[in-house]
């Protein structure tokens, strides 16, 4: 289900980028998710097709306007938080471990 929601948001971002000539990498994913959730309340109250189309175009405009700053050469690689050590984790209380068992 998460993949479907992700693809829906990315599709909206692609439509907004193409329609309003904005770089797709500069659009905010979180902003798009928030905007999509915010507009759900309005879409339910409007049943006219023209009104729904107007709201959809407004949704795309808001998504296109919500850009993130240009951050050249930004890299956030996934890394391990703990430095590897030659010892195991202590999984029992100290008094239950034998003196030479921790290595």
PDB file of N, CA and C in Angstrom:
ATOM      1  N   UNK A   1       0.816  -1.190   0.000  1.00  0.00           N
ATOM      2  CA  UNK A   1       0.000   0.000   0.000  1.00  0.00           C
ATOM      3  C   UNK A   1       0.865   1.261   0.000  1.00  0.00           C
ATOM      4  N   UNK A   2       1.998   1.217   0.686  1.00  0.00           N
ATOM      5  CA  UNK A   2       2.880   2.383   0.743  1.00  0.00           C
ATOM      6  C   UNK A   2       3.455   2.699  -0.628  1.00  0.00           C
ATOM      7  N   UNK A   3       3.735   1.660  -1.404  1.00  0.00           N
ATOM      8  CA  UNK A   3       4.306   1.867  -2.735  1.00  0.00           C
ATOM      9  C   UNK A   3       3.294   2.566  -3.635  1.00  0.00           C
ATOM     10  N   UNK A   4       2.031   2.199  -3.511  1.00  0.00           N
ATOM     11  CA  UNK A   4       0.989   2.839  -4.317  1.00  0.00           C
ATOM     12  C   UNK A   4       0.875   4.318  -3.956  1.00  0.00           C
ATOM     13  N   UNK A   5       0.878   4.620  -2.668  1.00  0.00           N
ATOM     14  CA  UNK A   5       0.794   6.021  -2.228  1.00  0.00           C
ATOM     15  C   UNK A   5       2.025   6.798  -2.683  1.00  0.00           C
ATOM     16  N   UNK A   6       3.198   6.186  -2.582  1.00  0.00           N
ATOM     17  CA  UNK A   6       4.433   6.843  -3.022  1.00  0.00           C
ATOM     18  C   UNK A   6       4.358   7.153  -4.513  1.00  0.00           C
ATOM     19  N   UNK A   7       3.918   6.163  -5.306  1.00  0.00           N
ATOM     20  CA  UNK A   7       3.824   6.366  -6.752  1.00  0.00           C
ATOM     21  C   UNK A   7       2.785   7.428  -7.106  1.00  0.00           C
ATOM     22  N   UNK A   8       1.704   7.498  -6.343  1.00  0.00           N
ATOM     23  CA  UNK A   8       0.694   8.532  -6.568  1.00  0.00           C
ATOM     24  C   UNK A   8       1.295   9.918  -6.356  1.00  0.00           C
ATOM     25  N   UNK A   9       2.021  10.088  -5.275  1.00  0.00           N
ATOM     26  CA  UNK A   9       2.623  11.391  -4.974  1.00  0.00           C
ATOM     27  C   UNK A   9       3.685  11.733  -6.012  1.00  0.00           C
ATOM     28  N   UNK A  10       4.515  10.762  -6.382  1.00  0.00           N
ATOM     29  CA  UNK A  10       5.545  11.027  -7.400  1.00  0.00           C
ATOM     30  C   UNK A  10       4.909  11.364  -8.749  1.00  0.00           C
ATOM     31  N   UNK A  11       3.793  10.716  -9.064  1.00  0.00           N
ATOM     32  CA  UNK A  11       3.081  11.037 -10.304  1.00  0.00           C
ATOM     33  C   UNK A  11       2.547  12.458 -10.299  1.00  0.00           C
ATOM     34  N   UNK A  12       1.995  12.889  -9.166  1.00  0.00           N
ATOM     35  CA  UNK A  12       1.534  14.273  -9.047  1.00  0.00           C
ATOM     36  C   UNK A  12       2.697  15.247  -9.199  1.00  0.00           C
ATOM     37  N   UNK A  13       3.830  14.900  -8.615  1.00  0.00           N
ATOM     38  CA  UNK A  13       5.006  15.760  -8.722  1.00  0.00           C
ATOM     39  C   UNK A  13       5.474  15.853 -10.170  1.00  0.00           C
ATOM     40  N   UNK A  14       5.442  14.734 -10.897  1.00  0.00           N
ATOM     41  CA  UNK A  14       5.847  14.749 -12.307  1.00  0.00           C
ATOM     42  C   UNK A  14       4.893  15.584 -13.149  1.00  0.00           C
ATOM     43  N   UNK A  15       3.601  15.467 -12.893  1.00  0.00           N
ATOM     44  CA  UNK A  15       2.632  16.278 -13.630  1.00  0.00           C
ATOM     45  C   UNK A  15       2.846  17.762 -13.357  1.00  0.00           C
ATOM     46  N   UNK A  16       3.065  18.111 -12.099  1.00  0.00           N
ATOM     47  CA  UNK A  16       3.280  19.515 -11.736  1.00  0.00           C
ATOM     48  C   UNK A  16       4.560  20.044 -12.373  1.00  0.00           C
ATOM     49  N   UNK A  17       5.613  19.234 -12.369  1.00  0.00           N
ATOM     50  CA  UNK A  17       6.884  19.664 -12.954  1.00  0.00           C
ATOM     51  C   UNK A  17       6.748  19.871 -14.458  1.00  0.00           C
ATOM     52  N   UNK A  18       6.036  18.990 -15.133  1.00  0.00           N
ATOM     53  CA  UNK A  18       5.870  19.112 -16.584  1.00  0.00           C
ATOM     54  C   UNK A  18       4.969  20.293 -16.941  1.00  0.00           C
ATOM     55  N   UNK A  19       3.895  20.472 -16.205  1.00  0.00           N
ATOM     56  CA  UNK A  19       2.924  21.518 -16.523  1.00  0.00           C
ATOM     57  C   UNK A  19       3.468  22.916 -16.243  1.00  0.00           C
ATOM     58  N   UNK A  20       4.205  23.067 -15.156  1.00  0.00           N
ATOM     59  CA  UNK A  20       4.681  24.387 -14.750  1.00  0.00           C
ATOM     60  C   UNK A  20       6.180  24.575 -14.977  1.00  0.00           C
ATOM     61  N   UNK A  21       6.795  23.675 -15.737  1.00  0.00           N
ATOM     62  CA  UNK A  21       8.203  23.775 -16.135  1.00  0.00           C
ATOM     63  C   UNK A  21       9.133  24.007 -14.936  1.00  0.00           C
ATOM     64  N   UNK A  22       9.051  23.079 -13.980  1.00  0.00           N
ATOM     65  CA  UNK A  22       9.870  23.122 -12.772  1.00  0.00           C
ATOM     66  C   UNK A  22      10.737  21.868 -12.759  1.00  0.00           C
ATOM     67  N   UNK A  23      11.955  21.988 -12.267  1.00  0.00           N
ATOM     68  CA  UNK A  23      12.845  20.834 -12.154  1.00  0.00           C
ATOM     69  C   UNK A  23      12.277  19.863 -11.121  1.00  0.00           C
ATOM     70  N   UNK A  24      12.100  18.618 -11.528  1.00  0.00           N
ATOM     71  CA  UNK A  24      11.483  17.613 -10.654  1.00  0.00           C
ATOM     72  C   UNK A  24      12.306  17.375  -9.391  1.00  0.00           C
ATOM     73  N   UNK A  25      13.627  17.478  -9.491  1.00  0.00           N
ATOM     74  CA  UNK A  25      14.473  17.237  -8.319  1.00  0.00           C
ATOM     75  C   UNK A  25      14.359  18.347  -7.281  1.00  0.00           C
ATOM     76  N   UNK A  26      13.781  19.474  -7.661  1.00  0.00           N
ATOM     77  CA  UNK A  26      13.641  20.595  -6.731  1.00  0.00           C
ATOM     78  C   UNK A  26      12.298  20.607  -6.019  1.00  0.00           C
ATOM     79  N   UNK A  27      11.381  19.694  -6.382  1.00  0.00           N
ATOM     80  CA  UNK A  27      10.074  19.657  -5.731  1.00  0.00           C
ATOM     81  C   UNK A  27      10.165  18.904  -4.413  1.00  0.00           C
ATOM     82  N   UNK A  28       9.407  19.356  -3.444  1.00  0.00           N
ATOM     83  CA  UNK A  28       9.425  18.771  -2.107  1.00  0.00           C
ATOM     84  C   UNK A  28       8.451  17.603  -2.028  1.00  0.00           C
ATOM     85  N   UNK A  29       8.963  16.424  -1.703  1.00  0.00           N
ATOM     86  CA  UNK A  29       8.092  15.255  -1.564  1.00  0.00           C
ATOM     87  C   UNK A  29       7.180  15.425  -0.358  1.00  0.00           C
ATOM     88  N   UNK A  30       7.734  15.831   0.755  1.00  0.00           N
ATOM     89  CA  UNK A  30       6.935  16.012   1.976  1.00  0.00           C
ATOM     90  C   UNK A  30       5.881  17.102   1.777  1.00  0.00           C
ATOM     91  N   UNK A  31       6.255  18.173   1.097  1.00  0.00           N
ATOM     92  CA  UNK A  31       5.287  19.219   0.803  1.00  0.00           C
ATOM     93  C   UNK A  31       4.167  18.721  -0.091  1.00  0.00           C
ATOM     94  N   UNK A  32       4.504  17.851  -1.029  1.00  0.00           N
ATOM     95  CA  UNK A  32       3.491  17.276  -1.917  1.00  0.00           C
ATOM     96  C   UNK A  32       2.540  16.371  -1.149  1.00  0.00           C
ATOM     97  N   UNK A  33       3.078  15.592  -0.218  1.00  0.00           N
ATOM     98  CA  UNK A  33       2.231  14.722   0.606  1.00  0.00           C
ATOM     99  C   UNK A  33       1.285  15.567   1.453  1.00  0.00           C
ATOM    100  N   UNK A  34       1.808  16.602   2.087  1.00  0.00           N
ATOM    101  CA  UNK A  34       0.974  17.467   2.924  1.00  0.00           C
ATOM    102  C   UNK A  34      -0.109  18.161   2.102  1.00  0.00           C
ATOM    103  N   UNK A  35       0.254  18.633   0.913  1.00  0.00           N
ATOM    104  CA  UNK A  35      -0.709  19.306   0.049  1.00  0.00           C
ATOM    105  C   UNK A  35      -1.797  18.349  -0.398  1.00  0.00           C
ATOM    106  N   UNK A  36      -1.415  17.137  -0.736  1.00  0.00           N
ATOM    107  CA  UNK A  36      -2.389  16.129  -1.177  1.00  0.00           C
ATOM    108  C   UNK A  36      -3.372  15.807  -0.052  1.00  0.00           C
ATOM    109  N   UNK A  37      -2.882  15.661   1.157  1.00  0.00           N
ATOM    110  CA  UNK A  37      -3.771  15.368   2.283  1.00  0.00           C
ATOM    111  C   UNK A  37      -4.686  16.553   2.583  1.00  0.00           C
ATOM    112  N   UNK A  38      -4.167  17.746   2.421  1.00  0.00           N
ATOM    113  CA  UNK A  38      -4.935  18.953   2.692  1.00  0.00           C
ATOM    114  C   UNK A  38      -6.067  19.119   1.685  1.00  0.00           C
ATOM    115  N   UNK A  39      -5.826  18.776   0.416  1.00  0.00           N
ATOM    116  CA  UNK A  39      -6.845  18.969  -0.615  1.00  0.00           C
ATOM    117  C   UNK A  39      -7.901  17.878  -0.614  1.00  0.00           C
ATOM    118  N   UNK A  40      -7.675  16.767   0.059  1.00  0.00           N
ATOM    119  CA  UNK A  40      -8.695  15.715   0.121  1.00  0.00           C
ATOM    120  C   UNK A  40      -9.991  16.231   0.741  1.00  0.00           C
ATOM    121  N   UNK A  41      -9.884  17.108   1.709  1.00  0.00           N
ATOM    122  CA  UNK A  41     -11.089  17.635   2.357  1.00  0.00           C
ATOM    123  C   UNK A  41     -11.894  18.505   1.399  1.00  0.00           C
ATOM    124  N   UNK A  42     -11.222  19.219   0.501  1.00  0.00           N
ATOM    125  CA  UNK A  42     -11.930  20.069  -0.451  1.00  0.00           C
ATOM    126  C   UNK A  42     -12.540  19.263  -1.594  1.00  0.00           C
ATOM    127  N   UNK A  43     -11.846  18.239  -2.056  1.00  0.00           N
ATOM    128  CA  UNK A  43     -12.340  17.440  -3.174  1.00  0.00           C
ATOM    129  C   UNK A  43     -13.625  16.711  -2.825  1.00  0.00           C
ATOM    130  N   UNK A  44     -13.784  16.312  -1.586  1.00  0.00           N
ATOM    131  CA  UNK A  44     -14.983  15.581  -1.188  1.00  0.00           C
ATOM    132  C   UNK A  44     -16.219  16.472  -1.229  1.00  0.00           C
ATOM    133  N   UNK A  45     -16.047  17.771  -1.022  1.00  0.00           N
ATOM    134  CA  UNK A  45     -17.201  18.665  -0.967  1.00  0.00           C
ATOM    135  C   UNK A  45     -17.608  19.208  -2.336  1.00  0.00           C
ATOM    136  N   UNK A  46     -16.812  18.969  -3.371  1.00  0.00           N
ATOM    137  CA  UNK A  46     -17.123  19.482  -4.711  1.00  0.00           C
ATOM    138  C   UNK A  46     -17.382  18.320  -5.659  1.00  0.00           C
ATOM    139  N   UNK A  47     -18.605  18.257  -6.178  1.00  0.00           N
ATOM    140  CA  UNK A  47     -18.945  17.155  -7.073  1.00  0.00           C
ATOM    141  C   UNK A  47     -18.977  17.577  -8.535  1.00  0.00           C
ATOM    142  N   UNK A  48     -18.907  18.862  -8.811  1.00  0.00           N
ATOM    143  CA  UNK A  48     -18.917  19.345 -10.194  1.00  0.00           C
ATOM    144  C   UNK A  48     -17.583  19.015 -10.866  1.00  0.00           C
ATOM    145  N   UNK A  49     -17.600  18.435 -12.070  1.00  0.00           N
ATOM    146  CA  UNK A  49     -16.345  18.097 -12.756  1.00  0.00           C
ATOM    147  C   UNK A  49     -15.448  19.308 -13.012  1.00  0.00           C
ATOM    148  N   UNK A  50     -16.045  20.446 -13.374  1.00  0.00           N
ATOM    149  CA  UNK A  50     -15.223  21.643 -13.618  1.00  0.00           C
ATOM    150  C   UNK A  50     -14.536  22.109 -12.340  1.00  0.00           C
ATOM    151  N   UNK A  51     -15.271  22.044 -11.257  1.00  0.00           N
ATOM    152  CA  UNK A  51     -14.704  22.462  -9.967  1.00  0.00           C
ATOM    153  C   UNK A  51     -13.590  21.512  -9.538  1.00  0.00           C
ATOM    154  N   UNK A  52     -13.787  20.219  -9.754  1.00  0.00           N
ATOM    155  CA  UNK A  52     -12.747  19.242  -9.424  1.00  0.00           C
ATOM    156  C   UNK A  52     -11.508  19.461 -10.281  1.00  0.00           C
ATOM    157  N   UNK A  53     -11.687  19.771 -11.571  1.00  0.00           N
ATOM    158  CA  UNK A  53     -10.544  20.036 -12.449  1.00  0.00           C
ATOM    159  C   UNK A  53      -9.802  21.290 -12.004  1.00  0.00           C
ATOM    160  N   UNK A  54     -10.558  22.319 -11.610  1.00  0.00           N
ATOM    161  CA  UNK A  54      -9.928  23.552 -11.129  1.00  0.00           C
ATOM    162  C   UNK A  54      -9.122  23.293  -9.861  1.00  0.00           C
ATOM    163  N   UNK A  55      -9.691  22.495  -8.950  1.00  0.00           N
ATOM    164  CA  UNK A  55      -8.976  22.164  -7.716  1.00  0.00           C
ATOM    165  C   UNK A  55      -7.743  21.314  -7.997  1.00  0.00           C
ATOM    166  N   UNK A  56      -7.845  20.404  -8.975  1.00  0.00           N
ATOM    167  CA  UNK A  56      -6.687  19.577  -9.325  1.00  0.00           C
ATOM    168  C   UNK A  56      -5.567  20.440  -9.900  1.00  0.00           C
ATOM    169  N   UNK A  57      -5.919  21.390 -10.765  1.00  0.00           N
ATOM    170  CA  UNK A  57      -4.903  22.297 -11.307  1.00  0.00           C
ATOM    171  C   UNK A  57      -4.299  23.166 -10.211  1.00  0.00           C
ATOM    172  N   UNK A  58      -5.123  23.558  -9.254  1.00  0.00           N
ATOM    173  CA  UNK A  58      -4.614  24.337  -8.123  1.00  0.00           C
ATOM    174  C   UNK A  58      -3.670  23.481  -7.274  1.00  0.00           C
ATOM    175  N   UNK A  59      -4.002  22.202  -7.109  1.00  0.00           N
ATOM    176  CA  UNK A  59      -3.128  21.275  -6.385  1.00  0.00           C
ATOM    177  C   UNK A  59      -1.768  21.188  -7.070  1.00  0.00           C
ATOM    178  N   UNK A  60      -1.773  21.036  -8.391  1.00  0.00           N
ATOM    179  CA  UNK A  60      -0.509  20.956  -9.129  1.00  0.00           C
ATOM    180  C   UNK A  60       0.280  22.258  -9.012  1.00  0.00           C
ATOM    181  N   UNK A  61      -0.413  23.393  -9.021  1.00  0.00           N
ATOM    182  CA  UNK A  61       0.260  24.684  -8.876  1.00  0.00           C
ATOM    183  C   UNK A  61       0.932  24.801  -7.508  1.00  0.00           C
ATOM    184  N   UNK A  62       0.243  24.375  -6.465  1.00  0.00           N
ATOM    185  CA  UNK A  62       0.815  24.438  -5.112  1.00  0.00           C
ATOM    186  C   UNK A  62       2.024  23.518  -5.007  1.00  0.00           C
ATOM    187  N   UNK A  63       1.927  22.324  -5.588  1.00  0.00           N
ATOM    188  CA  UNK A  63       3.060  21.391  -5.570  1.00  0.00           C
ATOM    189  C   UNK A  63       4.242  21.991  -6.316  1.00  0.00           C
ATOM    190  N   UNK A  64       3.981  22.627  -7.466  1.00  0.00           N
ATOM    191  CA  UNK A  64       5.063  23.219  -8.260  1.00  0.00           C
ATOM    192  C   UNK A  64       5.702  24.404  -7.545  1.00  0.00           C
ATOM    193  N   UNK A  65       4.941  25.115  -6.750  1.00  0.00           N
ATOM    194  CA  UNK A  65       5.481  26.272  -6.026  1.00  0.00           C
ATOM    195  C   UNK A  65       6.305  25.873  -4.806  1.00  0.00           C
ATOM    196  N   UNK A  66       6.118  24.667  -4.311  1.00  0.00           N
ATOM    197  CA  UNK A  66       6.811  24.218  -3.099  1.00  0.00           C
ATOM    198  C   UNK A  66       8.139  23.559  -3.482  1.00  0.00           C
ATOM    199  N   UNK A  67       9.142  24.379  -3.728  1.00  0.00           N
ATOM    200  CA  UNK A  67      10.450  23.858  -4.130  1.00  0.00           C
ATOM    201  C   UNK A  67      11.420  23.903  -2.954  1.00  0.00           C
ATOM    202  N   UNK A  68      12.413  23.061  -3.034  1.00  0.00           N
ATOM    203  CA  UNK A  68      13.476  23.048  -2.032  1.00  0.00           C
ATOM    204  C   UNK A  68      14.665  23.822  -2.594  1.00  0.00           C
ATOM    205  N   UNK A  69      15.534  24.356  -1.741  1.00  0.00           N
ATOM    206  CA  UNK A  69      16.687  25.111  -2.232  1.00  0.00           C
ATOM    207  C   UNK A  69      17.625  24.236  -3.053  1.00  0.00           C
ATOM    208  N   UNK A  70      18.361  24.888  -3.945  1.00  0.00           N
ATOM    209  CA  UNK A  70      19.344  24.180  -4.756  1.00  0.00           C
ATOM    210  C   UNK A  70      20.514  23.784  -3.862  1.00  0.00           C
ATOM    211  N   UNK A  71      20.817  22.489  -3.807  1.00  0.00           N
ATOM    212  CA  UNK A  71      21.891  21.980  -2.951  1.00  0.00           C
ATOM    213  C   UNK A  71      22.838  21.140  -3.803  1.00  0.00           C
ATOM    214  N   UNK A  72      23.825  21.772  -4.427  1.00  0.00           N
ATOM    215  CA  UNK A  72      24.717  21.028  -5.321  1.00  0.00           C
ATOM    216  C   UNK A  72      25.586  20.031  -4.561  1.00  0.00           C
ATOM    217  N   UNK A  73      25.801  18.908  -5.185  1.00  0.00           N
ATOM    218  CA  UNK A  73      26.674  17.847  -4.667  1.00  0.00           C
ATOM    219  C   UNK A  73      26.266  17.391  -3.273  1.00  0.00           C
ATOM    220  N   UNK A  74      24.992  17.424  -2.978  1.00  0.00           N
ATOM    221  CA  UNK A  74      24.516  16.944  -1.682  1.00  0.00           C
ATOM    222  C   UNK A  74      24.460  15.428  -1.721  1.00  0.00           C
ATOM    223  N   UNK A  75      25.036  14.819  -0.721  1.00  0.00           N
ATOM    224  CA  UNK A  75      25.053  13.369  -0.668  1.00  0.00           C
ATOM    225  C   UNK A  75      24.793  12.934   0.762  1.00  0.00           C
ATOM    226  N   UNK A  76      23.864  12.029   0.922  1.00  0.00           N
ATOM    227  CA  UNK A  76      23.570  11.491   2.243  1.00  0.00           C
ATOM    228  C   UNK A  76      23.607   9.973   2.165  1.00  0.00           C
ATOM    229  N   UNK A  77      24.809   9.407   2.122  1.00  0.00           N
ATOM    230  CA  UNK A  77      24.889   7.943   2.014  1.00  0.00           C
ATOM    231  C   UNK A  77      24.424   7.269   3.299  1.00  0.00           C
ATOM    232  N   UNK A  78      23.927   6.087   3.149  1.00  0.00           N
ATOM    233  CA  UNK A  78      23.507   5.321   4.327  1.00  0.00           C
ATOM    234  C   UNK A  78      24.756   4.723   4.967  1.00  0.00           C
ATOM    235  N   UNK A  79      24.879   4.930   6.253  1.00  0.00           N
ATOM    236  CA  UNK A  79      26.056   4.451   6.968  1.00  0.00           C
ATOM    237  C   UNK A  79      25.628   3.766   8.250  1.00  0.00           C
ATOM    238  N   UNK A  80      26.535   3.000   8.796  1.00  0.00           N
ATOM    239  CA  UNK A  80      26.284   2.351  10.083  1.00  0.00           C
ATOM    240  C   UNK A  80      26.545   3.353  11.187  1.00  0.00           C
ATOM    241  N   UNK A  81      25.715   3.339  12.191  1.00  0.00           N
ATOM    242  CA  UNK A  81      25.869   4.291  13.283  1.00  0.00           C
ATOM    243  C   UNK A  81      26.885   3.835  14.314  1.00  0.00           C
ATOM    244  N   UNK A  82      27.082   2.551  14.410  1.00  0.00           N
ATOM    245  CA  UNK A  82      28.032   2.047  15.404  1.00  0.00           C
ATOM    246  C   UNK A  82      29.305   1.588  14.713  1.00  0.00           C
ATOM    247  N   UNK A  83      30.410   1.884  15.344  1.00  0.00           N
ATOM    248  CA  UNK A  83      31.688   1.434  14.817  1.00  0.00           C
ATOM    249  C   UNK A  83      31.833  -0.043  15.143  1.00  0.00           C
ATOM    250  N   UNK A  84      32.245  -0.858  14.173  1.00  0.00           N
ATOM    251  CA  UNK A  84      32.386  -2.292  14.453  1.00  0.00           C
ATOM    252  C   UNK A  84      33.480  -2.548  15.486  1.00  0.00           C
ATOM    253  N   UNK A  85      33.179  -3.381  16.439  1.00  0.00           N
ATOM    254  CA  UNK A  85      34.135  -3.708  17.497  1.00  0.00           C
ATOM    255  C   UNK A  85      34.318  -5.214  17.543  1.00  0.00           C
ATOM    256  N   UNK A  86      35.346  -5.663  18.231  1.00  0.00           N
ATOM    257  CA  UNK A  86      35.656  -7.088  18.317  1.00  0.00           C
ATOM    258  C   UNK A  86      34.913  -7.781  19.451  1.00  0.00           C
ATOM    259  N   UNK A  87      33.951  -7.122  20.040  1.00  0.00           N
ATOM    260  CA  UNK A  87      33.231  -7.688  21.173  1.00  0.00           C
ATOM    261  C   UNK A  87      31.746  -7.813  20.837  1.00  0.00           C
ATOM    262  N   UNK A  88      31.105  -8.807  21.431  1.00  0.00           N
ATOM    263  CA  UNK A  88      29.665  -8.983  21.256  1.00  0.00           C
ATOM    264  C   UNK A  88      28.926  -8.012  22.166  1.00  0.00           C
ATOM    265  N   UNK A  89      27.637  -7.839  21.911  1.00  0.00           N
ATOM    266  CA  UNK A  89      26.812  -7.034  22.803  1.00  0.00           C
ATOM    267  C   UNK A  89      26.572  -7.795  24.096  1.00  0.00           C
ATOM    268  N   UNK A  90      26.457  -7.060  25.197  1.00  0.00           N
ATOM    269  CA  UNK A  90      26.170  -7.690  26.474  1.00  0.00           C
ATOM    270  C   UNK A  90      24.666  -7.953  26.531  1.00  0.00           C
ATOM    271  N   UNK A  91      24.290  -9.209  26.454  1.00  0.00           N
ATOM    272  CA  UNK A  91      22.870  -9.565  26.417  1.00  0.00           C
ATOM    273  C   UNK A  91      22.381 -10.144  27.733  1.00  0.00           C
ATOM    274  N   UNK A  92      23.282 -10.352  28.678  1.00  0.00           N
ATOM    275  CA  UNK A  92      22.913 -10.862  30.004  1.00  0.00           C
ATOM    276  C   UNK A  92      23.464  -9.917  31.058  1.00  0.00           C
ATOM    277  N   UNK A  93      22.951  -9.988  32.271  1.00  0.00           N
ATOM    278  CA  UNK A  93      23.502  -9.145  33.339  1.00  0.00           C
ATOM    279  C   UNK A  93      24.985  -9.440  33.569  1.00  0.00           C
ATOM    280  N   UNK A  94      25.710  -8.453  34.066  1.00  0.00           N
ATOM    281  CA  UNK A  94      27.153  -8.565  34.270  1.00  0.00           C
ATOM    282  C   UNK A  94      27.545  -9.747  35.152  1.00  0.00           C
ATOM    283  N   UNK A  95      26.798  -9.988  36.212  1.00  0.00           N
ATOM    284  CA  UNK A  95      27.188 -11.049  37.145  1.00  0.00           C
ATOM    285  C   UNK A  95      26.976 -12.442  36.539  1.00  0.00           C
ATOM    286  N   UNK A  96      26.206 -12.567  35.471  1.00  0.00           N
ATOM    287  CA  UNK A  96      26.012 -13.871  34.839  1.00  0.00           C
ATOM    288  C   UNK A  96      27.079 -14.180  33.795  1.00  0.00           C
ATOM    289  N   UNK A  97      27.793 -13.187  33.328  1.00  0.00           N
ATOM    290  CA  UNK A  97      28.858 -13.420  32.354  1.00  0.00           C
ATOM    291  C   UNK A  97      30.108 -13.919  33.059  1.00  0.00           C
ATOM    292  N   UNK A  98      30.728 -14.908  32.480  1.00  0.00           N
ATOM    293  CA  UNK A  98      32.009 -15.385  33.013  1.00  0.00           C
ATOM    294  C   UNK A  98      33.074 -14.342  32.690  1.00  0.00           C
ATOM    295  N   UNK A  99      34.162 -14.256  33.487  1.00  0.00           N
ATOM    296  CA  UNK A  99      35.170 -13.207  33.283  1.00  0.00           C
ATOM    297  C   UNK A  99      35.769 -13.189  31.877  1.00  0.00           C
ATOM    298  N   UNK A 100      36.056 -14.303  31.262  1.00  0.00           N
ATOM    299  CA  UNK A 100      36.693 -14.313  29.939  1.00  0.00           C
ATOM    300  C   UNK A 100      35.717 -14.553  28.807  1.00  0.00           C
ATOM    301  N   UNK A 101      34.434 -14.515  29.061  1.00  0.00           N
ATOM    302  CA  UNK A 101      33.438 -14.885  28.064  1.00  0.00           C
ATOM    303  C   UNK A 101      33.100 -13.758  27.094  1.00  0.00           C
ATOM    304  N   UNK A 102      33.401 -12.526  27.419  1.00  0.00           N
ATOM    305  CA  UNK A 102      32.959 -11.397  26.608  1.00  0.00           C
ATOM    306  C   UNK A 102      33.773 -11.203  25.340  1.00  0.00           C
ATOM    307  N   UNK A 103      34.870 -11.898  25.140  1.00  0.00           N
ATOM    308  CA  UNK A 103      35.687 -11.669  23.946  1.00  0.00           C
ATOM    309  C   UNK A 103      35.308 -12.535  22.797  1.00  0.00           C
TER     310      UNK A 103
END
